Protein backbone atom coordinates (compact mmCIF):
# COMPACT_ATOMS: atom_id res chain seq x y z
CA UNK A 1 142.14 55.96 69.14
CA UNK A 2 141.73 59.44 67.63
CA UNK A 3 139.27 60.52 64.98
CA UNK A 4 140.37 60.60 61.34
CA UNK A 5 138.69 62.65 58.61
CA UNK A 6 139.47 61.54 55.06
CA UNK A 7 138.56 64.62 53.05
CA UNK A 8 137.57 64.66 49.38
CA UNK A 9 138.00 60.96 48.55
CA UNK A 10 136.27 59.37 45.58
CA UNK A 11 134.49 56.54 47.41
CA UNK A 12 134.57 53.54 45.04
CA UNK A 13 135.50 55.98 42.29
CA UNK A 14 132.41 58.16 42.69
CA UNK A 15 132.04 61.84 43.52
CA UNK A 16 134.40 63.23 46.21
CA UNK A 17 133.14 62.76 49.76
CA UNK A 18 134.43 63.02 53.31
CA UNK A 19 134.71 59.91 55.48
CA UNK A 20 134.91 60.24 59.26
CA UNK A 21 136.47 57.45 61.32
CA UNK A 22 136.04 57.30 65.07
CA UNK A 23 137.96 54.49 66.73
CA UNK A 24 137.48 51.30 64.73
CA UNK A 25 134.35 52.42 62.89
CA UNK A 26 133.25 54.67 60.05
CA UNK A 27 130.79 57.11 61.68
CA UNK A 28 129.84 59.49 58.86
CA UNK A 29 130.12 59.72 55.07
CA UNK A 30 129.13 62.95 53.33
CA UNK A 31 130.36 66.34 52.15
CA UNK A 32 131.62 69.22 54.26
CA UNK A 33 132.01 67.11 57.41
CA UNK A 34 133.50 69.04 60.38
CA UNK A 35 137.11 68.29 61.23
CA UNK A 36 136.92 69.13 64.94
CA UNK A 37 139.24 66.93 66.95
CA UNK A 38 140.10 64.81 63.94
CA UNK A 39 143.36 64.12 62.13
CA UNK A 40 142.70 65.25 58.55
CA UNK A 41 143.90 63.23 55.56
CA UNK A 42 143.56 65.29 52.39
CA UNK A 43 142.59 62.74 49.76
CA UNK A 44 142.58 65.23 46.89
CA UNK A 45 140.42 63.09 44.65
CA UNK A 46 142.18 59.81 45.35
CA UNK A 47 139.99 56.68 45.21
CA UNK A 48 138.87 55.20 48.53
CA UNK A 49 138.19 51.46 48.55
CA UNK A 50 137.30 48.95 51.24
CA UNK A 51 140.43 47.18 52.48
CA UNK A 52 141.47 44.56 49.95
CA UNK A 53 141.12 40.85 50.74
CA UNK A 54 143.48 38.26 49.25
CA UNK A 55 142.14 34.71 49.20
CA UNK A 56 145.48 33.25 48.09
CA UNK A 57 148.71 34.29 49.83
CA UNK A 58 151.83 32.29 50.68
CA UNK A 59 153.34 33.61 53.92
CA UNK A 60 155.79 30.67 54.15
CA UNK A 61 155.92 30.64 57.97
CA UNK A 62 156.45 28.17 59.59
CA UNK A 63 159.42 26.58 57.88
CA UNK A 64 160.52 28.90 55.06
CA UNK A 65 161.22 32.12 56.90
CA UNK A 66 164.07 32.75 54.44
CA UNK A 67 161.36 33.49 51.85
CA UNK A 68 158.77 35.31 53.96
CA UNK A 69 157.37 35.54 57.46
CA UNK A 70 153.88 36.37 58.64
CA UNK A 71 155.22 39.77 59.71
CA UNK A 72 156.98 40.64 56.44
CA UNK A 73 154.11 39.22 54.38
CA UNK A 74 151.48 41.25 56.22
CA UNK A 75 153.64 44.38 55.90
CA UNK A 76 153.70 43.72 52.14
CA UNK A 77 149.94 43.25 52.25
CA UNK A 78 149.37 46.58 54.00
CA UNK A 79 151.64 48.25 51.43
CA UNK A 80 149.40 46.87 48.70
CA UNK A 81 146.16 48.01 50.32
CA UNK A 82 145.17 44.69 51.92
CA UNK A 83 143.55 44.40 55.33
CA UNK A 84 142.98 40.62 55.22
CA UNK A 85 144.88 37.74 53.65
CA UNK A 86 144.30 33.99 53.56
CA UNK A 87 147.54 32.08 54.17
CA UNK A 88 148.04 28.89 52.16
CA UNK A 89 148.78 25.62 53.91
CA UNK A 90 151.96 24.49 52.11
CA UNK A 91 154.27 25.40 54.97
CA UNK A 92 156.77 23.23 56.89
CA UNK A 93 155.13 21.64 58.80
CA UNK A 94 152.05 21.65 56.63
CA UNK A 95 149.03 23.46 58.09
CA UNK A 96 147.02 20.26 58.36
CA UNK A 97 146.28 20.35 62.11
CA UNK A 98 144.55 22.72 64.51
CA UNK A 99 147.90 23.44 66.15
CA UNK A 100 149.61 24.75 63.02
CA UNK A 101 146.69 26.89 61.80
CA UNK A 102 146.37 28.41 65.27
CA UNK A 103 150.10 29.24 65.21
CA UNK A 104 149.74 31.10 61.90
CA UNK A 105 146.58 32.86 63.10
CA UNK A 106 148.28 34.08 66.28
CA UNK A 107 151.33 35.29 64.35
CA UNK A 108 148.92 37.32 62.22
CA UNK A 109 147.34 38.84 65.29
CA UNK A 110 150.75 39.79 66.65
CA UNK A 111 151.83 41.44 63.38
CA UNK A 112 149.06 44.04 63.50
CA UNK A 113 149.36 44.92 59.81
CA UNK A 114 146.44 42.91 58.48
CA UNK A 115 144.20 40.04 59.53
CA UNK A 116 145.56 36.59 58.66
CA UNK A 117 143.12 33.77 58.08
CA UNK A 118 144.90 30.41 57.73
CA UNK A 119 143.84 28.01 54.98
CA UNK A 120 143.88 24.40 56.12
CA UNK A 121 145.29 21.54 54.05
CA UNK A 122 142.76 19.17 52.49
CA UNK A 123 144.98 16.12 52.93
CA UNK A 124 147.61 15.11 55.49
CA UNK A 125 150.99 16.47 54.41
CA UNK A 126 149.47 17.57 51.06
CA UNK A 127 150.04 13.98 50.00
CA UNK A 128 146.55 13.44 48.59
CA UNK A 129 145.94 10.15 50.39
CA UNK A 130 144.10 10.91 53.64
CA UNK A 131 141.86 13.78 54.68
CA UNK A 132 143.40 16.20 57.17
CA UNK A 133 141.69 17.32 60.39
CA UNK A 134 139.17 19.54 58.59
CA UNK A 135 136.67 19.69 61.44
CA UNK A 136 139.29 20.31 64.10
CA UNK A 137 140.82 23.16 62.08
CA UNK A 138 137.39 24.71 61.60
CA UNK A 139 136.61 24.46 65.33
CA UNK A 140 140.02 25.81 66.37
CA UNK A 141 140.68 29.40 67.40
CA UNK A 142 141.62 30.06 63.75
CA UNK A 143 138.09 29.15 62.59
CA UNK A 144 139.28 27.78 59.24
CA UNK A 145 136.67 27.90 56.45
CA UNK A 146 138.87 27.45 53.35
CA UNK A 147 140.85 24.28 52.65
CA UNK A 148 143.42 23.73 49.90
CA UNK A 149 146.40 21.58 48.98
CA UNK A 150 147.61 24.47 46.79
CA UNK A 151 150.95 23.74 45.25
CA UNK A 152 149.50 20.31 44.60
CA UNK A 153 146.21 19.11 43.17
CA UNK A 154 143.74 16.97 45.08
CA UNK A 155 143.91 14.56 42.15
CA UNK A 156 142.03 11.60 43.67
CA UNK A 157 138.32 12.00 42.88
CA UNK A 158 137.22 10.03 45.95
CA UNK A 159 139.31 12.20 48.29
CA UNK A 160 137.97 15.34 46.61
CA UNK A 161 134.40 14.12 46.99
CA UNK A 162 134.92 13.33 50.67
CA UNK A 163 136.44 16.77 51.28
CA UNK A 164 133.48 18.48 49.62
CA UNK A 165 131.07 16.41 51.69
CA UNK A 166 132.93 17.18 54.91
CA UNK A 167 133.15 20.98 54.51
CA UNK A 168 129.50 21.21 53.48
CA UNK A 169 128.55 20.57 57.13
CA UNK A 170 129.95 23.97 58.19
CA UNK A 171 129.65 25.93 54.92
CA UNK A 172 133.35 25.61 54.16
CA UNK A 173 134.92 25.61 50.72
CA UNK A 174 137.59 23.51 49.03
CA UNK A 175 139.97 25.61 46.92
CA UNK A 176 141.41 23.42 44.19
CA UNK A 177 144.80 23.77 42.52
CA UNK A 178 143.69 22.39 39.17
CA UNK A 179 146.64 20.47 37.78
CA UNK A 180 146.38 16.87 36.59
CA UNK A 181 149.79 15.59 37.74
CA UNK A 182 150.37 12.98 35.05
CA UNK A 183 149.73 15.51 32.27
CA UNK A 184 152.27 17.95 33.70
CA UNK A 185 155.21 15.66 34.49
CA UNK A 186 158.38 17.54 33.54
CA UNK A 187 156.39 20.58 32.39
CA UNK A 188 158.27 23.89 32.40
CA UNK A 189 155.91 26.32 30.68
CA UNK A 190 152.67 26.57 28.72
CA UNK A 191 152.38 23.94 25.98
CA UNK A 192 152.18 25.72 22.64
CA UNK A 193 154.18 27.40 19.89
CA UNK A 194 156.69 29.00 22.26
CA UNK A 195 157.41 25.81 24.20
CA UNK A 196 157.94 23.94 20.95
CA UNK A 197 160.38 26.56 19.67
CA UNK A 198 162.29 26.71 22.97
CA UNK A 199 162.33 22.96 23.52
CA UNK A 200 160.87 23.26 27.02
CA UNK A 201 158.44 20.69 28.43
CA UNK A 202 154.87 21.81 27.75
CA UNK A 203 152.10 22.29 30.33
CA UNK A 204 148.87 21.68 28.41
CA UNK A 205 145.69 23.65 29.08
CA UNK A 206 143.78 20.38 29.38
CA UNK A 207 145.72 19.52 32.56
CA UNK A 208 143.89 22.40 34.24
CA UNK A 209 140.57 22.14 32.44
CA UNK A 210 140.03 18.41 33.02
CA UNK A 211 140.34 18.82 36.80
CA UNK A 212 137.99 21.81 36.85
CA UNK A 213 135.41 19.87 34.81
CA UNK A 214 135.58 16.93 37.23
CA UNK A 215 135.38 19.09 40.33
CA UNK A 216 132.42 21.22 39.31
CA UNK A 217 130.53 18.00 38.62
CA UNK A 218 131.55 16.64 42.03
CA UNK A 219 130.44 19.88 43.67
CA UNK A 220 127.09 19.61 41.90
CA UNK A 221 126.68 15.99 43.00
CA UNK A 222 127.51 16.80 46.63
CA UNK A 223 125.84 20.20 46.75
CA UNK A 224 128.95 21.79 48.18
CA UNK A 225 131.17 24.80 47.43
CA UNK A 226 134.30 24.53 45.29
CA UNK A 227 136.68 27.36 44.48
CA UNK A 228 139.11 27.23 41.54
CA UNK A 229 142.53 28.68 42.30
CA UNK A 230 144.49 30.75 39.75
CA UNK A 231 142.39 29.88 36.68
CA UNK A 232 144.57 30.50 33.61
CA UNK A 233 143.04 29.31 30.32
CA UNK A 234 140.21 30.31 28.00
CA UNK A 235 138.90 26.74 28.19
CA UNK A 236 138.73 26.89 31.98
CA UNK A 237 136.64 30.05 31.69
CA UNK A 238 134.11 28.25 29.50
CA UNK A 239 133.82 25.33 31.94
CA UNK A 240 133.22 27.65 34.90
CA UNK A 241 130.71 29.67 32.88
CA UNK A 242 128.83 26.47 32.00
CA UNK A 243 128.90 25.29 35.61
CA UNK A 244 127.48 28.57 36.87
CA UNK A 245 124.70 28.39 34.27
CA UNK A 246 123.68 25.09 35.88
CA UNK A 247 123.62 26.63 39.34
CA UNK A 248 126.71 24.77 40.56
CA UNK A 249 128.29 26.44 43.60
CA UNK A 250 131.63 27.25 41.99
CA UNK A 251 133.76 30.37 42.33
CA UNK A 252 137.04 31.14 40.60
CA UNK A 253 140.02 33.44 40.90
CA UNK A 254 142.56 34.91 38.50
CA UNK A 255 145.97 36.30 39.41
CA UNK A 256 147.21 39.73 38.32
CA UNK A 257 150.08 38.17 36.38
CA UNK A 258 147.73 36.01 34.33
CA UNK A 259 145.80 39.17 33.42
CA UNK A 260 148.91 40.88 32.02
CA UNK A 261 151.77 38.57 31.09
CA UNK A 262 152.05 35.93 28.34
CA UNK A 263 154.27 32.95 27.57
CA UNK A 264 156.19 35.06 25.03
CA UNK A 265 158.18 36.40 28.00
CA UNK A 266 159.67 32.94 28.58
CA UNK A 267 161.81 33.49 25.47
CA UNK A 268 164.11 35.47 27.76
CA UNK A 269 164.70 32.33 29.88
CA UNK A 270 164.41 34.61 32.92
CA UNK A 271 163.16 32.41 35.77
CA UNK A 272 161.18 35.33 37.22
CA UNK A 273 158.53 34.35 34.65
CA UNK A 274 158.36 30.74 35.84
CA UNK A 275 155.09 30.22 37.66
CA UNK A 276 152.42 27.61 38.40
CA UNK A 277 150.13 27.59 36.46
CA UNK A 278 152.36 28.90 33.69
CA UNK A 279 151.91 32.13 31.79
CA UNK A 280 149.56 31.41 28.90
CA UNK A 281 148.86 32.94 25.47
CA UNK A 282 147.50 36.37 24.54
CA UNK A 283 144.18 34.69 23.71
CA UNK A 284 143.99 33.26 27.21
CA UNK A 285 144.85 36.62 28.77
CA UNK A 286 142.06 38.38 26.87
CA UNK A 287 139.57 35.65 27.82
CA UNK A 288 140.52 35.98 31.49
CA UNK A 289 140.03 39.75 31.42
CA UNK A 290 136.59 39.41 29.82
CA UNK A 291 135.59 36.71 32.30
CA UNK A 292 136.64 38.85 35.26
CA UNK A 293 134.66 41.74 33.83
CA UNK A 294 131.46 39.73 33.29
CA UNK A 295 131.68 37.93 36.65
CA UNK A 296 132.46 34.43 35.37
CA UNK A 297 135.71 34.79 37.30
CA UNK A 298 134.69 36.07 40.72
CA UNK A 299 137.85 37.55 42.18
CA UNK A 300 141.46 38.59 41.79
CA UNK A 301 143.84 36.73 44.11
CA UNK A 302 147.57 37.37 44.16
CA UNK A 303 149.04 33.88 44.65
CA UNK A 304 151.86 35.87 46.32
CA UNK A 305 154.68 33.30 46.19
CA UNK A 306 157.93 34.64 47.64
CA UNK A 307 161.24 32.87 47.00
CA UNK A 308 164.78 33.70 48.15
CA UNK A 309 167.28 34.99 45.61
CA UNK A 310 169.07 31.67 45.19
CA UNK A 311 165.85 29.85 44.19
CA UNK A 312 165.26 32.23 41.27
CA UNK A 313 168.71 33.40 40.21
CA UNK A 314 169.62 30.13 38.51
CA UNK A 315 168.98 28.23 35.30
CA UNK A 316 165.32 27.97 34.22
CA UNK A 317 164.89 24.22 34.84
CA UNK A 318 166.15 24.45 38.43
CA UNK A 319 164.24 27.59 39.39
CA UNK A 320 161.29 27.61 41.77
CA UNK A 321 157.85 28.52 40.46
CA UNK A 322 156.14 31.64 41.71
CA UNK A 323 156.01 35.44 41.87
CA UNK A 324 155.44 37.98 44.62
CA UNK A 325 152.29 39.97 44.06
CA UNK A 326 150.80 41.69 47.11
CA UNK A 327 152.47 45.05 46.51
CA UNK A 328 151.70 45.31 42.78
CA UNK A 329 148.29 43.61 42.45
CA UNK A 330 146.12 46.72 42.48
CA UNK A 331 148.37 48.48 39.95
CA UNK A 332 148.16 45.53 37.54
CA UNK A 333 144.38 45.42 37.91
CA UNK A 334 144.18 49.15 37.20
CA UNK A 335 146.29 48.70 34.06
CA UNK A 336 144.48 45.64 32.70
CA UNK A 337 140.89 46.22 33.84
CA UNK A 338 140.25 49.86 34.81
CA UNK A 339 142.38 51.75 32.31
CA UNK A 340 141.02 49.49 29.55
CA UNK A 341 137.42 50.26 30.53
CA UNK A 342 136.55 46.68 31.48
CA UNK A 343 135.88 47.51 35.16
CA UNK A 344 135.17 50.64 37.14
CA UNK A 345 136.46 51.13 40.69
CA UNK A 346 133.25 49.78 42.16
CA UNK A 347 133.91 46.63 40.15
CA UNK A 348 137.46 46.48 41.52
CA UNK A 349 136.07 46.77 45.06
CA UNK A 350 133.78 43.84 44.29
CA UNK A 351 136.50 41.59 42.80
CA UNK A 352 139.21 42.46 45.32
CA UNK A 353 137.30 43.01 48.57
CA UNK A 354 133.56 42.28 48.75
CA UNK A 355 133.54 38.91 46.95
CA UNK A 356 136.77 37.37 48.32
CA UNK A 357 135.59 38.27 51.82
CA UNK A 358 132.26 36.57 51.12
CA UNK A 359 133.86 33.42 49.69
CA UNK A 360 136.24 33.10 52.65
CA UNK A 361 133.70 34.29 55.25
CA UNK A 362 136.13 37.01 56.37
CA UNK A 363 134.08 38.72 59.05
CA UNK A 364 134.40 42.51 59.16
CA UNK A 365 136.07 42.72 55.75
CA UNK A 366 134.64 43.43 52.33
CA UNK A 367 132.10 45.79 53.87
CA UNK A 368 130.58 48.94 52.32
CA UNK A 369 132.24 52.30 52.90
CA UNK A 370 129.36 53.65 54.98
CA UNK A 371 128.47 54.71 58.50
CA UNK A 372 128.52 51.93 61.08
CA UNK A 373 130.94 49.73 59.13
CA UNK A 374 134.46 48.69 60.25
CA UNK A 375 137.11 51.17 59.14
CA UNK A 376 139.07 48.77 56.93
CA UNK A 377 140.03 51.05 54.06
CA UNK A 378 142.65 51.80 51.43
CA UNK A 379 143.33 55.07 49.60
CA UNK A 380 144.73 54.92 46.08
CA UNK A 381 146.43 57.60 44.00
CA UNK A 382 145.16 56.44 40.62
CA UNK A 383 146.90 59.29 38.73
CA UNK A 384 150.34 58.05 39.75
CA UNK A 385 152.46 56.14 37.26
CA UNK A 386 155.98 54.93 37.84
CA UNK A 387 158.44 52.04 37.56
CA UNK A 388 158.32 49.07 39.93
CA UNK A 389 161.35 48.97 42.23
CA UNK A 390 161.52 45.73 44.24
CA UNK A 391 164.27 47.21 46.42
CA UNK A 392 161.51 49.12 48.18
CA UNK A 393 159.28 46.10 48.79
CA UNK A 394 158.22 45.20 52.31
CA UNK A 395 158.22 41.53 51.32
CA UNK A 396 161.34 39.57 52.25
CA UNK A 397 161.57 38.33 48.63
CA UNK A 398 162.06 40.24 45.39
CA UNK A 399 160.90 37.81 42.69
CA UNK A 400 158.62 40.21 40.83
CA UNK A 401 158.10 40.00 37.06
CA UNK A 402 157.50 43.78 36.93
CA UNK A 403 160.91 45.15 37.92
CA UNK A 404 161.46 48.40 36.01
CA UNK A 405 158.04 48.21 34.36
CA UNK A 406 155.86 51.30 34.60
CA UNK A 407 152.52 50.61 36.26
CA UNK A 408 149.70 52.96 37.24
CA UNK A 409 148.31 53.64 40.69
CA UNK A 410 149.89 53.73 44.13
CA UNK A 411 148.39 52.89 47.51
CA UNK A 412 149.06 55.83 49.83
CA UNK A 413 147.11 54.87 52.96
CA UNK A 414 145.72 51.70 54.53
CA UNK A 415 143.63 51.51 57.70
CA UNK A 416 142.92 48.33 59.66
CA UNK A 417 139.95 48.92 61.97
CA UNK A 418 140.75 52.62 62.05
CA UNK A 419 144.45 52.17 62.75
CA UNK A 420 146.77 53.42 60.01
CA UNK A 421 149.14 50.70 58.79
CA UNK A 422 150.36 52.74 55.78
CA UNK A 423 150.63 56.54 55.67
CA UNK A 424 151.82 58.45 52.58
CA UNK A 425 153.13 55.20 51.14
CA UNK A 426 155.18 54.33 54.23
CA UNK A 427 154.43 51.59 56.74
CA UNK A 428 153.72 52.79 60.24
């Protein structure tokens, strides 16, 4: 593998520096580095970040290859600046055995665009009645450390307690989809003024908050790690903040779409805005931004949820829930957090690389941009601004809520262990 010199990049948004890559490793960081024998990438003041890590991606394979495959999903990830993604377990068959998680892991290795770490199901078939093979999945070649029934809530308190106790033995984490099922029967959108005016079934904030409150108390009782998926309400923020003040081992994520979009968009009845958890109010959005800035919310995770055209181009009630997000996540974070002054680029690196890698124990990812570290990197043209065109997505699906919307920032290059996966905005 040849040497690469990234010249004049703002490392984590700081002063321009040169970064020399030799093989899979960063060998030097400084100014005026010699270019002998190296391929030179002129960064021209672009921001250089560690490769992004997504703790919440739906790759759909096996079983729903019409929506996405591991190959197309990891190509989308590389386009968005990601070098590692965690693949959710709600596939067909469900990733609840060592065999299925190993299949997903090997498909990720074959793709070559980013590392894929499978997430194992908490319960058999995501049915919430019997623990899945947590130990076997952890001991498999995939080395699973994160477990989730995402798409469904582990609603039984006894099952949740047992899962927390089990994963504690190997420092695993249970990632909870916080949705009390009885409180959300028939729900179509956030419960509030807009749902009342539109006559759509409401999804109350308490359905999320009550589960989070229960689970942080269970985590405290067991002494285990719990992670809250796609936190979406101001009340949830306060519960997590309280739990952290008590020293409870809880982490939480927010999606890009919950940082930007509100339930007012549902007035269009466009199913592209139908998502789980639903888009909330402007008050919730502002609370989520502040919580991400102050560290109450630990990370940004995409909840990339691809769907084929026919599952979204239909009436609202029949439409599937979910949005694609890997290729637009960094732009949305720049718009909502960086351009508003709530985070600097070092903060973005923390929320989108360092901390998700730490939570998921993603070895070799979320590392500093310094000599001796793996060359997992992404280069971002932060001065760019342009409309989102899903026709150019690498993802197999096009269900983005940002079509035609102008967003800032564009990933120009991504390197996975020194190998370019994206060059000048084009996949290699």
